């Protein structure tokens, strides 16, 4: 079994038990991707991507609406230290926060990574909101 398929099966089994709101995107071409819309304010994405000779990467992304551009979230993200690669992308109508890890550096299950990455990113979002109000 290819490593990406092993992690896909692991993730499917874990979300069926603990987070059934995730739906796999059958049209994603670069590995596997799941979407979860848990609120009307933001969207979540989780994907597994492997390109040729590169290691398998797990990525968790949180999409925030445009109004978060009015916070100091970019300064908060710059100062953040994380055991994952953390990225932020600005688009015209949204901000995308991404946490990424190579499975060579993975210390837990795929769902464990998702939950830790989600927690770190949510902390960043609330830190930005609190800092703006000070």
C-alpha atoms as a PDB file:
ATOM      1  CA  UNK A   1       0.000   0.000   0.000  1.00  0.00           C
ATOM      2  CA  UNK A   2       1.314   3.437  -0.940  1.00  0.00           C
ATOM      3  CA  UNK A   3       1.932   5.712   2.049  1.00  0.00           C
ATOM      4  CA  UNK A   4      -0.604   8.321   0.903  1.00  0.00           C
ATOM      5  CA  UNK A   5      -3.287   5.626   0.712  1.00  0.00           C
ATOM      6  CA  UNK A   6      -2.409   4.419   4.201  1.00  0.00           C
ATOM      7  CA  UNK A   7      -2.853   7.939   5.616  1.00  0.00           C
ATOM      8  CA  UNK A   8      -6.053   8.433   3.615  1.00  0.00           C
ATOM      9  CA  UNK A   9      -7.539   5.260   5.100  1.00  0.00           C
ATOM     10  CA  UNK A  10      -6.398   6.310   8.578  1.00  0.00           C
ATOM     11  CA  UNK A  11      -8.007   9.732   8.171  1.00  0.00           C
ATOM     12  CA  UNK A  12     -11.279   8.300   6.836  1.00  0.00           C
ATOM     13  CA  UNK A  13     -11.494   5.876   9.745  1.00  0.00           C
ATOM     14  CA  UNK A  14     -10.783   8.591  12.325  1.00  0.00           C
ATOM     15  CA  UNK A  15     -13.180  11.187  10.922  1.00  0.00           C
ATOM     16  CA  UNK A  16     -15.954   8.611  10.683  1.00  0.00           C
ATOM     17  CA  UNK A  17     -15.555   8.120  14.436  1.00  0.00           C
ATOM     18  CA  UNK A  18     -14.825  11.664  15.624  1.00  0.00           C
ATOM     19  CA  UNK A  19     -15.576  14.301  12.940  1.00  0.00           C
ATOM     20  CA  UNK A  20     -18.114  13.091  10.372  1.00  0.00           C
ATOM     21  CA  UNK A  21     -18.587  16.611   8.953  1.00  0.00           C
ATOM     22  CA  UNK A  22     -15.596  16.140   6.613  1.00  0.00           C
ATOM     23  CA  UNK A  23     -16.413  15.340   2.983  1.00  0.00           C
ATOM     24  CA  UNK A  24     -13.828  14.144   0.488  1.00  0.00           C
ATOM     25  CA  UNK A  25     -13.414  16.206  -2.677  1.00  0.00           C
ATOM     26  CA  UNK A  26     -13.511  13.693  -5.557  1.00  0.00           C
ATOM     27  CA  UNK A  27     -12.143  16.246  -8.043  1.00  0.00           C
ATOM     28  CA  UNK A  28      -8.903  17.100  -6.226  1.00  0.00           C
ATOM     29  CA  UNK A  29      -6.031  15.984  -8.505  1.00  0.00           C
ATOM     30  CA  UNK A  30      -2.909  16.251  -6.348  1.00  0.00           C
ATOM     31  CA  UNK A  31      -3.634  13.652  -3.691  1.00  0.00           C
ATOM     32  CA  UNK A  32      -6.655  13.747  -1.413  1.00  0.00           C
ATOM     33  CA  UNK A  33      -8.652  16.666  -0.056  1.00  0.00           C
ATOM     34  CA  UNK A  34     -11.538  17.052   2.381  1.00  0.00           C
ATOM     35  CA  UNK A  35     -13.787  20.027   3.067  1.00  0.00           C
ATOM     36  CA  UNK A  36     -15.712  20.838   6.221  1.00  0.00           C
ATOM     37  CA  UNK A  37     -18.009  23.806   6.527  1.00  0.00           C
ATOM     38  CA  UNK A  38     -18.582  23.967  10.244  1.00  0.00           C
ATOM     39  CA  UNK A  39     -19.864  27.520  10.340  1.00  0.00           C
ATOM     40  CA  UNK A  40     -20.967  30.280   8.010  1.00  0.00           C
ATOM     41  CA  UNK A  41     -17.965  32.390   9.025  1.00  0.00           C
ATOM     42  CA  UNK A  42     -15.123  30.144   7.921  1.00  0.00           C
ATOM     43  CA  UNK A  43     -14.294  27.010   5.924  1.00  0.00           C
ATOM     44  CA  UNK A  44     -11.805  24.277   6.729  1.00  0.00           C
ATOM     45  CA  UNK A  45      -9.767  22.133   4.350  1.00  0.00           C
ATOM     46  CA  UNK A  46      -7.502  19.157   4.916  1.00  0.00           C
ATOM     47  CA  UNK A  47      -5.372  17.634   2.221  1.00  0.00           C
ATOM     48  CA  UNK A  48      -2.695  15.050   1.623  1.00  0.00           C
ATOM     49  CA  UNK A  49      -0.365  15.844  -1.231  1.00  0.00           C
ATOM     50  CA  UNK A  50       2.594  13.958  -2.630  1.00  0.00           C
ATOM     51  CA  UNK A  51       4.527  15.046  -5.702  1.00  0.00           C
ATOM     52  CA  UNK A  52       6.879  12.547  -7.377  1.00  0.00           C
ATOM     53  CA  UNK A  53      10.031  12.174  -5.270  1.00  0.00           C
ATOM     54  CA  UNK A  54       8.886  14.540  -2.536  1.00  0.00           C
ATOM     55  CA  UNK A  55       7.626  13.284   0.826  1.00  0.00           C
ATOM     56  CA  UNK A  56       3.934  13.194   1.644  1.00  0.00           C
ATOM     57  CA  UNK A  57       2.613  16.461   3.111  1.00  0.00           C
ATOM     58  CA  UNK A  58      -0.448  16.952   5.290  1.00  0.00           C
ATOM     59  CA  UNK A  59      -2.042  20.391   5.181  1.00  0.00           C
ATOM     60  CA  UNK A  60      -4.775  21.970   7.232  1.00  0.00           C
ATOM     61  CA  UNK A  61      -6.247  25.273   6.018  1.00  0.00           C
ATOM     62  CA  UNK A  62      -8.703  27.704   7.524  1.00  0.00           C
ATOM     63  CA  UNK A  63     -10.394  30.222   5.229  1.00  0.00           C
ATOM     64  CA  UNK A  64     -11.404  33.470   6.902  1.00  0.00           C
ATOM     65  CA  UNK A  65     -13.691  36.127   5.404  1.00  0.00           C
ATOM     66  CA  UNK A  66     -12.395  39.466   4.161  1.00  0.00           C
ATOM     67  CA  UNK A  67     -13.270  41.294   7.391  1.00  0.00           C
ATOM     68  CA  UNK A  68     -10.261  39.644   9.073  1.00  0.00           C
ATOM     69  CA  UNK A  69      -8.012  41.782   6.869  1.00  0.00           C
ATOM     70  CA  UNK A  70      -8.913  44.627   9.253  1.00  0.00           C
ATOM     71  CA  UNK A  71      -7.187  42.863  12.135  1.00  0.00           C
ATOM     72  CA  UNK A  72      -3.489  42.605  12.818  1.00  0.00           C
ATOM     73  CA  UNK A  73      -3.489  38.895  12.027  1.00  0.00           C
ATOM     74  CA  UNK A  74      -0.468  39.196   9.727  1.00  0.00           C
ATOM     75  CA  UNK A  75       1.708  40.512  12.590  1.00  0.00           C
ATOM     76  CA  UNK A  76       0.463  37.743  14.872  1.00  0.00           C
ATOM     77  CA  UNK A  77       1.260  35.065  12.266  1.00  0.00           C
ATOM     78  CA  UNK A  78       4.767  36.487  11.701  1.00  0.00           C
ATOM     79  CA  UNK A  79       5.542  36.232  15.418  1.00  0.00           C
ATOM     80  CA  UNK A  80       4.100  32.733  15.856  1.00  0.00           C
ATOM     81  CA  UNK A  81       6.429  29.816  16.402  1.00  0.00           C
ATOM     82  CA  UNK A  82       5.031  26.456  15.431  1.00  0.00           C
ATOM     83  CA  UNK A  83       6.369  22.971  14.887  1.00  0.00           C
ATOM     84  CA  UNK A  84       4.543  23.138  11.529  1.00  0.00           C
ATOM     85  CA  UNK A  85       5.104  25.285   8.482  1.00  0.00           C
ATOM     86  CA  UNK A  86       2.633  28.130   8.809  1.00  0.00           C
ATOM     87  CA  UNK A  87       1.573  30.255   5.827  1.00  0.00           C
ATOM     88  CA  UNK A  88      -0.911  33.037   5.235  1.00  0.00           C
ATOM     89  CA  UNK A  89      -2.342  34.078   1.865  1.00  0.00           C
ATOM     90  CA  UNK A  90      -4.409  37.186   1.160  1.00  0.00           C
ATOM     91  CA  UNK A  91      -7.051  37.043  -1.581  1.00  0.00           C
ATOM     92  CA  UNK A  92      -9.540  39.710  -2.597  1.00  0.00           C
ATOM     93  CA  UNK A  93     -12.375  38.253  -0.532  1.00  0.00           C
ATOM     94  CA  UNK A  94     -10.646  36.033   2.031  1.00  0.00           C
ATOM     95  CA  UNK A  95      -7.541  35.094   4.007  1.00  0.00           C
ATOM     96  CA  UNK A  96      -6.195  31.554   3.949  1.00  0.00           C
ATOM     97  CA  UNK A  97      -4.164  30.281   6.906  1.00  0.00           C
ATOM     98  CA  UNK A  98      -2.325  27.018   6.236  1.00  0.00           C
ATOM     99  CA  UNK A  99      -0.447  24.675   8.519  1.00  0.00           C
ATOM    100  CA  UNK A 100       1.649  22.018   6.830  1.00  0.00           C
ATOM    101  CA  UNK A 101       3.845  19.114   7.896  1.00  0.00           C
ATOM    102  CA  UNK A 102       5.833  16.475   6.074  1.00  0.00           C
ATOM    103  CA  UNK A 103       5.037  13.012   7.359  1.00  0.00           C
ATOM    104  CA  UNK A 104       8.776  12.681   7.983  1.00  0.00           C
ATOM    105  CA  UNK A 105       8.166  15.153  10.861  1.00  0.00           C
ATOM    106  CA  UNK A 106       4.713  13.922  11.861  1.00  0.00           C
ATOM    107  CA  UNK A 107       4.446  13.072  15.559  1.00  0.00           C
ATOM    108  CA  UNK A 108       0.787  11.917  15.666  1.00  0.00           C
ATOM    109  CA  UNK A 109      -2.057  10.592  13.535  1.00  0.00           C
ATOM    110  CA  UNK A 110      -3.448  12.581  10.610  1.00  0.00           C
ATOM    111  CA  UNK A 111      -6.435  13.669  12.718  1.00  0.00           C
ATOM    112  CA  UNK A 112      -4.086  14.507  15.585  1.00  0.00           C
ATOM    113  CA  UNK A 113      -2.171  16.821  13.254  1.00  0.00           C
ATOM    114  CA  UNK A 114      -5.425  18.390  12.041  1.00  0.00           C
ATOM    115  CA  UNK A 115      -6.600  19.061  15.591  1.00  0.00           C
ATOM    116  CA  UNK A 116      -3.272  20.504  16.732  1.00  0.00           C
ATOM    117  CA  UNK A 117      -2.959  22.657  13.601  1.00  0.00           C
ATOM    118  CA  UNK A 118      -6.569  23.824  13.993  1.00  0.00           C
ATOM    119  CA  UNK A 119      -5.935  24.748  17.618  1.00  0.00           C
ATOM    120  CA  UNK A 120      -2.825  26.756  16.751  1.00  0.00           C
ATOM    121  CA  UNK A 121      -4.557  28.610  13.920  1.00  0.00           C
ATOM    122  CA  UNK A 122      -7.675  29.354  15.981  1.00  0.00           C
ATOM    123  CA  UNK A 123      -5.408  30.715  18.741  1.00  0.00           C
ATOM    124  CA  UNK A 124      -3.797  33.010  16.160  1.00  0.00           C
ATOM    125  CA  UNK A 125      -7.173  34.270  14.989  1.00  0.00           C
ATOM    126  CA  UNK A 126      -8.322  35.034  18.534  1.00  0.00           C
ATOM    127  CA  UNK A 127      -4.963  36.644  19.369  1.00  0.00           C
ATOM    128  CA  UNK A 128      -5.384  38.980  16.406  1.00  0.00           C
ATOM    129  CA  UNK A 129      -8.873  39.916  17.476  1.00  0.00           C
ATOM    130  CA  UNK A 130      -7.783  40.558  21.058  1.00  0.00           C
ATOM    131  CA  UNK A 131      -4.712  42.563  20.035  1.00  0.00           C
ATOM    132  CA  UNK A 132      -6.768  44.813  17.753  1.00  0.00           C
ATOM    133  CA  UNK A 133      -9.167  45.646  20.590  1.00  0.00           C
ATOM    134  CA  UNK A 134      -6.390  46.624  23.039  1.00  0.00           C
END
